[in-house]
Amino acid sequence: MNAKLLIDDDIIGIINLEISDEFMGVLSGELIPTEIYKNYQNEIHKHFEQKGISNIMDFNYKIRLENGYELSPEGGIGIIHSREFSDEIIVETAGNNIEELKNFC
């Protein structure tokens, strides 16, 4: 399922989310960043270096599906992006209601 990744109202990228763990409600996918992503990239790299992920404690991440439905994952949203592998940006979200999502997709 295609989705937009936002920080507040800024669209920072597009993700093709896939179910990684249905039982835990985990979705993940590679982020295709927009130009706006560059405004946040340095901080996201710092979060990754400090704790291995940039998450909703760092930025107000939101995921909005193509149909406008916004995910409300209990386990949060995070970005994995290291300076060493700058072309690989992974988004993970956990605690999603997979059955509910199947109805929207």
PDB file of N, CA and C in Angstrom:
ATOM      1  N   MET A   1       0.838  -1.169   0.000  1.00  0.00           N
ATOM      2  CA  MET A   1       0.000   0.000   0.000  1.00  0.00           C
ATOM      3  C   MET A   1       0.887   1.237   0.000  1.00  0.00           C
ATOM      4  N   ASN A   2       0.577   2.196  -0.843  1.00  0.00           N
ATOM      5  CA  ASN A   2       1.346   3.429  -0.913  1.00  0.00           C
ATOM      6  C   ASN A   2       0.847   4.415   0.130  1.00  0.00           C
ATOM      7  N   ALA A   3       1.786   5.166   0.691  1.00  0.00           N
ATOM      8  CA  ALA A   3       1.455   6.122   1.734  1.00  0.00           C
ATOM      9  C   ALA A   3       2.437   7.279   1.706  1.00  0.00           C
ATOM     10  N   LYS A   4       2.018   8.381   2.324  1.00  0.00           N
ATOM     11  CA  LYS A   4       2.889   9.542   2.485  1.00  0.00           C
ATOM     12  C   LYS A   4       3.374   9.569   3.920  1.00  0.00           C
ATOM     13  N   LEU A   5       4.651   9.932   4.096  1.00  0.00           N
ATOM     14  CA  LEU A   5       5.205  10.134   5.428  1.00  0.00           C
ATOM     15  C   LEU A   5       5.305  11.632   5.656  1.00  0.00           C
ATOM     16  N   LEU A   6       4.764  12.068   6.764  1.00  0.00           N
ATOM     17  CA  LEU A   6       4.756  13.490   7.088  1.00  0.00           C
ATOM     18  C   LEU A   6       5.435  13.751   8.419  1.00  0.00           C
ATOM     19  N   ILE A   7       5.977  14.947   8.552  1.00  0.00           N
ATOM     20  CA  ILE A   7       6.346  15.520   9.837  1.00  0.00           C
ATOM     21  C   ILE A   7       5.463  16.751   9.949  1.00  0.00           C
ATOM     22  N   ASP A   8       4.575  16.740  10.920  1.00  0.00           N
ATOM     23  CA  ASP A   8       3.533  17.763  11.027  1.00  0.00           C
ATOM     24  C   ASP A   8       2.771  17.791   9.703  1.00  0.00           C
ATOM     25  N   ASP A   9       2.844  18.889   8.948  1.00  0.00           N
ATOM     26  CA  ASP A   9       2.141  18.973   7.666  1.00  0.00           C
ATOM     27  C   ASP A   9       3.072  18.859   6.468  1.00  0.00           C
ATOM     28  N   ASP A  10       4.374  18.650   6.712  1.00  0.00           N
ATOM     29  CA  ASP A  10       5.361  18.519   5.636  1.00  0.00           C
ATOM     30  C   ASP A  10       5.421  17.081   5.129  1.00  0.00           C
ATOM     31  N   ILE A  11       5.185  16.887   3.845  1.00  0.00           N
ATOM     32  CA  ILE A  11       5.324  15.556   3.240  1.00  0.00           C
ATOM     33  C   ILE A  11       6.808  15.343   2.963  1.00  0.00           C
ATOM     34  N   ILE A  12       7.411  14.413   3.719  1.00  0.00           N
ATOM     35  CA  ILE A  12       8.848  14.196   3.572  1.00  0.00           C
ATOM     36  C   ILE A  12       9.188  12.996   2.695  1.00  0.00           C
ATOM     37  N   GLY A  13       8.171  12.237   2.289  1.00  0.00           N
ATOM     38  CA  GLY A  13       8.460  11.113   1.414  1.00  0.00           C
ATOM     39  C   GLY A  13       7.255  10.236   1.144  1.00  0.00           C
ATOM     40  N   ILE A  14       7.476   9.301   0.230  1.00  0.00           N
ATOM     41  CA  ILE A  14       6.472   8.314  -0.157  1.00  0.00           C
ATOM     42  C   ILE A  14       7.004   6.935   0.221  1.00  0.00           C
ATOM     43  N   ILE A  15       6.114   6.097   0.766  1.00  0.00           N
ATOM     44  CA  ILE A  15       6.499   4.747   1.196  1.00  0.00           C
ATOM     45  C   ILE A  15       5.571   3.732   0.537  1.00  0.00           C
ATOM     46  N   ASN A  16       6.137   2.609   0.138  1.00  0.00           N
ATOM     47  CA  ASN A  16       5.322   1.470  -0.270  1.00  0.00           C
ATOM     48  C   ASN A  16       5.347   0.506   0.913  1.00  0.00           C
ATOM     49  N   LEU A  17       4.339   0.622   1.782  1.00  0.00           N
ATOM     50  CA  LEU A  17       4.296  -0.173   3.003  1.00  0.00           C
ATOM     51  C   LEU A  17       3.880  -1.606   2.727  1.00  0.00           C
ATOM     52  N   GLU A  18       4.522  -2.517   3.442  1.00  0.00           N
ATOM     53  CA  GLU A  18       4.177  -3.937   3.388  1.00  0.00           C
ATOM     54  C   GLU A  18       4.038  -4.446   4.814  1.00  0.00           C
ATOM     55  N   ILE A  19       3.227  -5.461   4.984  1.00  0.00           N
ATOM     56  CA  ILE A  19       3.078  -6.075   6.298  1.00  0.00           C
ATOM     57  C   ILE A  19       4.337  -6.896   6.586  1.00  0.00           C
ATOM     58  N   SER A  20       5.032  -6.521   7.657  1.00  0.00           N
ATOM     59  CA  SER A  20       6.248  -7.246   8.057  1.00  0.00           C
ATOM     60  C   SER A  20       5.946  -8.299   9.109  1.00  0.00           C
ATOM     61  N   ASP A  21       5.006  -7.983   9.989  1.00  0.00           N
ATOM     62  CA  ASP A  21       4.610  -8.901  11.053  1.00  0.00           C
ATOM     63  C   ASP A  21       3.139  -8.635  11.350  1.00  0.00           C
ATOM     64  N   GLU A  22       2.266  -9.479  10.816  1.00  0.00           N
ATOM     65  CA  GLU A  22       0.824  -9.254  10.952  1.00  0.00           C
ATOM     66  C   GLU A  22       0.379  -9.321  12.403  1.00  0.00           C
ATOM     67  N   PHE A  23       0.924 -10.255  13.167  1.00  0.00           N
ATOM     68  CA  PHE A  23       0.531 -10.434  14.561  1.00  0.00           C
ATOM     69  C   PHE A  23       0.824  -9.189  15.398  1.00  0.00           C
ATOM     70  N   MET A  24       1.972  -8.560  15.163  1.00  0.00           N
ATOM     71  CA  MET A  24       2.381  -7.372  15.919  1.00  0.00           C
ATOM     72  C   MET A  24       1.921  -6.075  15.247  1.00  0.00           C
ATOM     73  N   GLY A  25       1.298  -6.179  14.085  1.00  0.00           N
ATOM     74  CA  GLY A  25       0.818  -4.996  13.388  1.00  0.00           C
ATOM     75  C   GLY A  25       1.941  -4.132  12.835  1.00  0.00           C
ATOM     76  N   VAL A  26       3.008  -4.794  12.390  1.00  0.00           N
ATOM     77  CA  VAL A  26       4.180  -4.061  11.890  1.00  0.00           C
ATOM     78  C   VAL A  26       4.092  -3.901  10.379  1.00  0.00           C
ATOM     79  N   LEU A  27       4.242  -2.656   9.946  1.00  0.00           N
ATOM     80  CA  LEU A  27       4.350  -2.318   8.532  1.00  0.00           C
ATOM     81  C   LEU A  27       5.704  -1.669   8.327  1.00  0.00           C
ATOM     82  N   SER A  28       6.304  -1.919   7.173  1.00  0.00           N
ATOM     83  CA  SER A  28       7.585  -1.280   6.880  1.00  0.00           C
ATOM     84  C   SER A  28       7.725  -1.100   5.373  1.00  0.00           C
ATOM     85  N   GLY A  29       8.648  -0.238   5.006  1.00  0.00           N
ATOM     86  CA  GLY A  29       8.915  -0.006   3.594  1.00  0.00           C
ATOM     87  C   GLY A  29      10.027   1.008   3.411  1.00  0.00           C
ATOM     88  N   GLU A  30      10.513   1.074   2.197  1.00  0.00           N
ATOM     89  CA  GLU A  30      11.574   2.019   1.874  1.00  0.00           C
ATOM     90  C   GLU A  30      10.965   3.373   1.541  1.00  0.00           C
ATOM     91  N   LEU A  31      11.583   4.419   2.065  1.00  0.00           N
ATOM     92  CA  LEU A  31      11.108   5.778   1.842  1.00  0.00           C
ATOM     93  C   LEU A  31      11.771   6.369   0.601  1.00  0.00           C
ATOM     94  N   ILE A  32      10.957   6.964  -0.254  1.00  0.00           N
ATOM     95  CA  ILE A  32      11.457   7.764  -1.368  1.00  0.00           C
ATOM     96  C   ILE A  32      11.281   9.211  -0.908  1.00  0.00           C
ATOM     97  N   PRO A  33      12.381   9.873  -0.540  1.00  0.00           N
ATOM     98  CA  PRO A  33      12.266  11.201   0.068  1.00  0.00           C
ATOM     99  C   PRO A  33      11.875  12.289  -0.930  1.00  0.00           C
ATOM    100  N   THR A  34      11.185  13.297  -0.416  1.00  0.00           N
ATOM    101  CA  THR A  34      10.897  14.502  -1.182  1.00  0.00           C
ATOM    102  C   THR A  34      12.026  15.508  -0.898  1.00  0.00           C
ATOM    103  N   GLU A  35      11.999  16.627  -1.572  1.00  0.00           N
ATOM    104  CA  GLU A  35      12.996  17.674  -1.326  1.00  0.00           C
ATOM    105  C   GLU A  35      12.929  18.166   0.120  1.00  0.00           C
ATOM    106  N   ILE A  36      11.741  18.175   0.700  1.00  0.00           N
ATOM    107  CA  ILE A  36      11.555  18.653   2.075  1.00  0.00           C
ATOM    108  C   ILE A  36      12.303  17.776   3.071  1.00  0.00           C
ATOM    109  N   TYR A  37      12.498  16.506   2.728  1.00  0.00           N
ATOM    110  CA  TYR A  37      13.215  15.585   3.623  1.00  0.00           C
ATOM    111  C   TYR A  37      14.584  16.140   4.009  1.00  0.00           C
ATOM    112  N   LYS A  38      15.218  16.821   3.073  1.00  0.00           N
ATOM    113  CA  LYS A  38      16.564  17.375   3.323  1.00  0.00           C
ATOM    114  C   LYS A  38      16.576  18.330   4.513  1.00  0.00           C
ATOM    115  N   ASN A  39      15.439  18.988   4.781  1.00  0.00           N
ATOM    116  CA  ASN A  39      15.358  19.908   5.924  1.00  0.00           C
ATOM    117  C   ASN A  39      15.476  19.170   7.256  1.00  0.00           C
ATOM    118  N   TYR A  40      15.166  17.898   7.272  1.00  0.00           N
ATOM    119  CA  TYR A  40      15.159  17.096   8.495  1.00  0.00           C
ATOM    120  C   TYR A  40      16.270  16.042   8.534  1.00  0.00           C
ATOM    121  N   GLN A  41      16.905  15.814   7.407  1.00  0.00           N
ATOM    122  CA  GLN A  41      17.845  14.697   7.256  1.00  0.00           C
ATOM    123  C   GLN A  41      18.961  14.709   8.293  1.00  0.00           C
ATOM    124  N   ASN A  42      19.575  15.834   8.551  1.00  0.00           N
ATOM    125  CA  ASN A  42      20.694  15.881   9.486  1.00  0.00           C
ATOM    126  C   ASN A  42      20.254  15.463  10.890  1.00  0.00           C
ATOM    127  N   GLU A  43      19.106  15.934  11.328  1.00  0.00           N
ATOM    128  CA  GLU A  43      18.588  15.542  12.647  1.00  0.00           C
ATOM    129  C   GLU A  43      18.234  14.059  12.684  1.00  0.00           C
ATOM    130  N   ILE A  44      17.651  13.553  11.612  1.00  0.00           N
ATOM    131  CA  ILE A  44      17.312  12.127  11.542  1.00  0.00           C
ATOM    132  C   ILE A  44      18.576  11.281  11.622  1.00  0.00           C
ATOM    133  N   HIS A  45      19.633  11.707  10.941  1.00  0.00           N
ATOM    134  CA  HIS A  45      20.916  11.007  11.039  1.00  0.00           C
ATOM    135  C   HIS A  45      21.424  11.018  12.481  1.00  0.00           C
ATOM    136  N   LYS A  46      21.317  12.150  13.157  1.00  0.00           N
ATOM    137  CA  LYS A  46      21.778  12.247  14.551  1.00  0.00           C
ATOM    138  C   LYS A  46      20.996  11.293  15.451  1.00  0.00           C
ATOM    139  N   HIS A  47      19.679  11.244  15.264  1.00  0.00           N
ATOM    140  CA  HIS A  47      18.860  10.322  16.072  1.00  0.00           C
ATOM    141  C   HIS A  47      19.292   8.879  15.833  1.00  0.00           C
ATOM    142  N   PHE A  48      19.546   8.539  14.552  1.00  0.00           N
ATOM    143  CA  PHE A  48      19.992   7.182  14.218  1.00  0.00           C
ATOM    144  C   PHE A  48      21.319   6.874  14.914  1.00  0.00           C
ATOM    145  N   GLU A  49      22.247   7.816  14.875  1.00  0.00           N
ATOM    146  CA  GLU A  49      23.558   7.602  15.499  1.00  0.00           C
ATOM    147  C   GLU A  49      23.441   7.441  17.008  1.00  0.00           C
ATOM    148  N   GLN A  50      22.505   8.152  17.629  1.00  0.00           N
ATOM    149  CA  GLN A  50      22.340   8.101  19.081  1.00  0.00           C
ATOM    150  C   GLN A  50      21.601   6.857  19.560  1.00  0.00           C
ATOM    151  N   LYS A  51      20.569   6.427  18.807  1.00  0.00           N
ATOM    152  CA  LYS A  51      19.733   5.340  19.324  1.00  0.00           C
ATOM    153  C   LYS A  51      19.261   4.339  18.283  1.00  0.00           C
ATOM    154  N   GLY A  52      19.731   4.470  17.034  1.00  0.00           N
ATOM    155  CA  GLY A  52      19.409   3.492  16.005  1.00  0.00           C
ATOM    156  C   GLY A  52      18.139   3.758  15.228  1.00  0.00           C
ATOM    157  N   ILE A  53      17.407   4.822  15.587  1.00  0.00           N
ATOM    158  CA  ILE A  53      16.147   5.148  14.908  1.00  0.00           C
ATOM    159  C   ILE A  53      15.742   6.580  15.268  1.00  0.00           C
ATOM    160  N   SER A  54      15.029   7.210  14.367  1.00  0.00           N
ATOM    161  CA  SER A  54      14.383   8.491  14.653  1.00  0.00           C
ATOM    162  C   SER A  54      12.901   8.172  14.774  1.00  0.00           C
ATOM    163  N   ASN A  55      12.287   8.514  15.915  1.00  0.00           N
ATOM    164  CA  ASN A  55      10.904   8.091  16.116  1.00  0.00           C
ATOM    165  C   ASN A  55       9.999   9.254  16.511  1.00  0.00           C
ATOM    166  N   ILE A  56       8.780   8.925  16.905  1.00  0.00           N
ATOM    167  CA  ILE A  56       7.801   9.968  17.201  1.00  0.00           C
ATOM    168  C   ILE A  56       8.137  10.764  18.456  1.00  0.00           C
ATOM    169  N   MET A  57       9.130  10.345  19.191  1.00  0.00           N
ATOM    170  CA  MET A  57       9.614  11.160  20.309  1.00  0.00           C
ATOM    171  C   MET A  57      10.481  12.304  19.775  1.00  0.00           C
ATOM    172  N   ASP A  58      10.971  12.164  18.559  1.00  0.00           N
ATOM    173  CA  ASP A  58      11.848  13.171  17.952  1.00  0.00           C
ATOM    174  C   ASP A  58      11.090  14.138  17.043  1.00  0.00           C
ATOM    175  N   PHE A  59      10.197  13.598  16.239  1.00  0.00           N
ATOM    176  CA  PHE A  59       9.384  14.382  15.314  1.00  0.00           C
ATOM    177  C   PHE A  59       7.948  13.865  15.349  1.00  0.00           C
ATOM    178  N   ASN A  60       7.026  14.707  14.941  1.00  0.00           N
ATOM    179  CA  ASN A  60       5.611  14.318  14.865  1.00  0.00           C
ATOM    180  C   ASN A  60       5.359  13.609  13.537  1.00  0.00           C
ATOM    181  N   TYR A  61       5.841  12.366  13.446  1.00  0.00           N
ATOM    182  CA  TYR A  61       5.665  11.572  12.224  1.00  0.00           C
ATOM    183  C   TYR A  61       4.214  11.146  12.074  1.00  0.00           C
ATOM    184  N   LYS A  62       3.733  11.168  10.840  1.00  0.00           N
ATOM    185  CA  LYS A  62       2.399  10.679  10.514  1.00  0.00           C
ATOM    186  C   LYS A  62       2.492   9.913   9.197  1.00  0.00           C
ATOM    187  N   ILE A  63       1.660   8.899   9.071  1.00  0.00           N
ATOM    188  CA  ILE A  63       1.572   8.139   7.819  1.00  0.00           C
ATOM    189  C   ILE A  63       0.147   8.246   7.317  1.00  0.00           C
ATOM    190  N   ARG A  64       0.008   8.732   6.079  1.00  0.00           N
ATOM    191  CA  ARG A  64      -1.306   8.903   5.462  1.00  0.00           C
ATOM    192  C   ARG A  64      -1.370   8.038   4.210  1.00  0.00           C
ATOM    193  N   LEU A  65      -2.346   7.132   4.171  1.00  0.00           N
ATOM    194  CA  LEU A  65      -2.526   6.259   3.010  1.00  0.00           C
ATOM    195  C   LEU A  65      -3.059   7.064   1.824  1.00  0.00           C
ATOM    196  N   GLU A  66      -2.980   6.456   0.625  1.00  0.00           N
ATOM    197  CA  GLU A  66      -3.443   7.115  -0.601  1.00  0.00           C
ATOM    198  C   GLU A  66      -4.883   7.603  -0.508  1.00  0.00           C
ATOM    199  N   ASN A  67      -5.714   6.863   0.209  1.00  0.00           N
ATOM    200  CA  ASN A  67      -7.131   7.225   0.316  1.00  0.00           C
ATOM    201  C   ASN A  67      -7.395   8.279   1.392  1.00  0.00           C
ATOM    202  N   GLY A  68      -6.327   8.792   2.023  1.00  0.00           N
ATOM    203  CA  GLY A  68      -6.472   9.840   3.028  1.00  0.00           C
ATOM    204  C   GLY A  68      -6.525   9.339   4.457  1.00  0.00           C
ATOM    205  N   TYR A  69      -6.674   8.013   4.650  1.00  0.00           N
ATOM    206  CA  TYR A  69      -6.725   7.439   5.995  1.00  0.00           C
ATOM    207  C   TYR A  69      -5.363   7.595   6.666  1.00  0.00           C
ATOM    208  N   GLU A  70      -5.367   8.120   7.899  1.00  0.00           N
ATOM    209  CA  GLU A  70      -4.122   8.300   8.636  1.00  0.00           C
ATOM    210  C   GLU A  70      -3.978   7.189   9.672  1.00  0.00           C
ATOM    211  N   LEU A  71      -2.831   6.529   9.637  1.00  0.00           N
ATOM    212  CA  LEU A  71      -2.578   5.450  10.594  1.00  0.00           C
ATOM    213  C   LEU A  71      -2.461   6.014  12.003  1.00  0.00           C
ATOM    214  N   SER A  72      -2.865   5.219  12.972  1.00  0.00           N
ATOM    215  CA  SER A  72      -2.692   5.598  14.377  1.00  0.00           C
ATOM    216  C   SER A  72      -2.076   4.418  15.118  1.00  0.00           C
ATOM    217  N   PRO A  73      -0.809   4.128  14.816  1.00  0.00           N
ATOM    218  CA  PRO A  73      -0.153   2.959  15.398  1.00  0.00           C
ATOM    219  C   PRO A  73       0.153   3.142  16.884  1.00  0.00           C
ATOM    220  N   GLU A  74      -0.189   2.134  17.660  1.00  0.00           N
ATOM    221  CA  GLU A  74       0.087   2.185  19.093  1.00  0.00           C
ATOM    222  C   GLU A  74       1.576   2.134  19.392  1.00  0.00           C
ATOM    223  N   GLY A  75       2.337   1.486  18.525  1.00  0.00           N
ATOM    224  CA  GLY A  75       3.769   1.341  18.755  1.00  0.00           C
ATOM    225  C   GLY A  75       4.625   2.422  18.123  1.00  0.00           C
ATOM    226  N   GLY A  76       4.007   3.349  17.436  1.00  0.00           N
ATOM    227  CA  GLY A  76       4.752   4.478  16.889  1.00  0.00           C
ATOM    228  C   GLY A  76       5.233   4.290  15.461  1.00  0.00           C
ATOM    229  N   ILE A  77       5.996   5.284  15.020  1.00  0.00           N
ATOM    230  CA  ILE A  77       6.547   5.351  13.673  1.00  0.00           C
ATOM    231  C   ILE A  77       8.016   5.725  13.806  1.00  0.00           C
ATOM    232  N   GLY A  78       8.865   5.096  13.013  1.00  0.00           N
ATOM    233  CA  GLY A  78      10.285   5.423  13.068  1.00  0.00           C
ATOM    234  C   GLY A  78      10.945   5.352  11.711  1.00  0.00           C
ATOM    235  N   ILE A  79      12.069   6.069  11.606  1.00  0.00           N
ATOM    236  CA  ILE A  79      12.885   6.071  10.391  1.00  0.00           C
ATOM    237  C   ILE A  79      14.275   5.587  10.740  1.00  0.00           C
ATOM    238  N   ILE A  80      14.768   4.667   9.925  1.00  0.00           N
ATOM    239  CA  ILE A  80      16.142   4.175  10.045  1.00  0.00           C
ATOM    240  C   ILE A  80      16.904   4.708   8.842  1.00  0.00           C
ATOM    241  N   HIS A  81      17.856   5.620   9.106  1.00  0.00           N
ATOM    242  CA  HIS A  81      18.621   6.242   8.021  1.00  0.00           C
ATOM    243  C   HIS A  81      20.005   6.615   8.537  1.00  0.00           C
ATOM    244  N   SER A  82      21.011   5.877   8.092  1.00  0.00           N
ATOM    245  CA  SER A  82      22.383   6.164   8.508  1.00  0.00           C
ATOM    246  C   SER A  82      23.105   6.960   7.429  1.00  0.00           C
ATOM    247  N   ARG A  83      24.106   7.696   7.850  1.00  0.00           N
ATOM    248  CA  ARG A  83      24.926   8.462   6.894  1.00  0.00           C
ATOM    249  C   ARG A  83      25.691   7.511   5.965  1.00  0.00           C
ATOM    250  N   GLU A  84      26.086   6.358   6.493  1.00  0.00           N
ATOM    251  CA  GLU A  84      26.881   5.398   5.725  1.00  0.00           C
ATOM    252  C   GLU A  84      26.108   4.789   4.559  1.00  0.00           C
ATOM    253  N   PHE A  85      24.810   4.591   4.746  1.00  0.00           N
ATOM    254  CA  PHE A  85      23.953   4.022   3.705  1.00  0.00           C
ATOM    255  C   PHE A  85      22.884   5.056   3.354  1.00  0.00           C
ATOM    256  N   SER A  86      23.328   6.158   2.798  1.00  0.00           N
ATOM    257  CA  SER A  86      22.444   7.309   2.603  1.00  0.00           C
ATOM    258  C   SER A  86      21.313   7.056   1.608  1.00  0.00           C
ATOM    259  N   ASP A  87      21.452   6.056   0.728  1.00  0.00           N
ATOM    260  CA  ASP A  87      20.400   5.771  -0.243  1.00  0.00           C
ATOM    261  C   ASP A  87      19.316   4.846   0.303  1.00  0.00           C
ATOM    262  N   GLU A  88      19.521   4.313   1.490  1.00  0.00           N
ATOM    263  CA  GLU A  88      18.568   3.371   2.079  1.00  0.00           C
ATOM    264  C   GLU A  88      17.899   4.007   3.290  1.00  0.00           C
ATOM    265  N   ILE A  89      16.609   4.315   3.147  1.00  0.00           N
ATOM    266  CA  ILE A  89      15.831   4.919   4.227  1.00  0.00           C
ATOM    267  C   ILE A  89      14.630   4.009   4.477  1.00  0.00           C
ATOM    268  N   ILE A  90      14.573   3.435   5.676  1.00  0.00           N
ATOM    269  CA  ILE A  90      13.521   2.487   6.020  1.00  0.00           C
ATOM    270  C   ILE A  90      12.564   3.122   7.030  1.00  0.00           C
ATOM    271  N   VAL A  91      11.267   2.950   6.785  1.00  0.00           N
ATOM    272  CA  VAL A  91      10.234   3.411   7.709  1.00  0.00           C
ATOM    273  C   VAL A  91       9.573   2.182   8.315  1.00  0.00           C
ATOM    274  N   GLU A  92       9.399   2.221   9.631  1.00  0.00           N
ATOM    275  CA  GLU A  92       8.715   1.130  10.334  1.00  0.00           C
ATOM    276  C   GLU A  92       7.627   1.717  11.220  1.00  0.00           C
ATOM    277  N   THR A  93       6.537   1.005  11.325  1.00  0.00           N
ATOM    278  CA  THR A  93       5.453   1.393  12.212  1.00  0.00           C
ATOM    279  C   THR A  93       4.881   0.121  12.829  1.00  0.00           C
ATOM    280  N   ALA A  94       4.598   0.172  14.126  1.00  0.00           N
ATOM    281  CA  ALA A  94       4.143  -1.024  14.839  1.00  0.00           C
ATOM    282  C   ALA A  94       2.857  -0.730  15.598  1.00  0.00           C
ATOM    283  N   GLY A  95       2.121  -1.791  15.857  1.00  0.00           N
ATOM    284  CA  GLY A  95       0.897  -1.659  16.623  1.00  0.00           C
ATOM    285  C   GLY A  95      -0.273  -1.158  15.802  1.00  0.00           C
ATOM    286  N   ASN A  96      -0.261  -1.480  14.516  1.00  0.00           N
ATOM    287  CA  ASN A  96      -1.367  -1.122  13.628  1.00  0.00           C
ATOM    288  C   ASN A  96      -2.423  -2.222  13.650  1.00  0.00           C
ATOM    289  N   ASN A  97      -3.657  -1.845  13.449  1.00  0.00           N
ATOM    290  CA  ASN A  97      -4.750  -2.802  13.360  1.00  0.00           C
ATOM    291  C   ASN A  97      -4.792  -3.302  11.908  1.00  0.00           C
ATOM    292  N   ILE A  98      -4.193  -4.452  11.655  1.00  0.00           N
ATOM    293  CA  ILE A  98      -4.052  -4.977  10.292  1.00  0.00           C
ATOM    294  C   ILE A  98      -5.420  -5.294   9.684  1.00  0.00           C
ATOM    295  N   GLU A  99      -6.337  -5.839  10.468  1.00  0.00           N
ATOM    296  CA  GLU A  99      -7.664  -6.148   9.935  1.00  0.00           C
ATOM    297  C   GLU A  99      -8.373  -4.879   9.472  1.00  0.00           C
ATOM    298  N   GLU A 100      -8.240  -3.807  10.244  1.00  0.00           N
ATOM    299  CA  GLU A 100      -8.842  -2.528   9.863  1.00  0.00           C
ATOM    300  C   GLU A 100      -8.198  -2.003   8.581  1.00  0.00           C
ATOM    301  N   LEU A 101      -6.880  -2.144   8.473  1.00  0.00           N
ATOM    302  CA  LEU A 101      -6.164  -1.672   7.289  1.00  0.00           C
ATOM    303  C   LEU A 101      -6.589  -2.444   6.036  1.00  0.00           C
ATOM    304  N   LYS A 102      -6.846  -3.715   6.179  1.00  0.00           N
ATOM    305  CA  LYS A 102      -7.272  -4.517   5.024  1.00  0.00           C
ATOM    306  C   LYS A 102      -8.586  -3.986   4.443  1.00  0.00           C
ATOM    307  N   ASN A 103      -9.418  -3.415   5.266  1.00  0.00           N
ATOM    308  CA  ASN A 103     -10.674  -2.834   4.812  1.00  0.00           C
ATOM    309  C   ASN A 103     -10.466  -1.532   4.039  1.00  0.00           C
ATOM    310  N   PHE A 104      -9.370  -0.826   4.328  1.00  0.00           N
ATOM    311  CA  PHE A 104      -9.101   0.442   3.677  1.00  0.00           C
ATOM    312  C   PHE A 104      -8.326   0.283   2.377  1.00  0.00           C
ATOM    313  N   CYS A 105      -7.683  -0.856   2.199  1.00  0.00           N
ATOM    314  CA  CYS A 105      -6.807  -1.031   1.030  1.00  0.00           C
ATOM    315  C   CYS A 105      -7.464  -1.852  -0.042  1.00  0.00           C
TER     316      CYS A 105
END
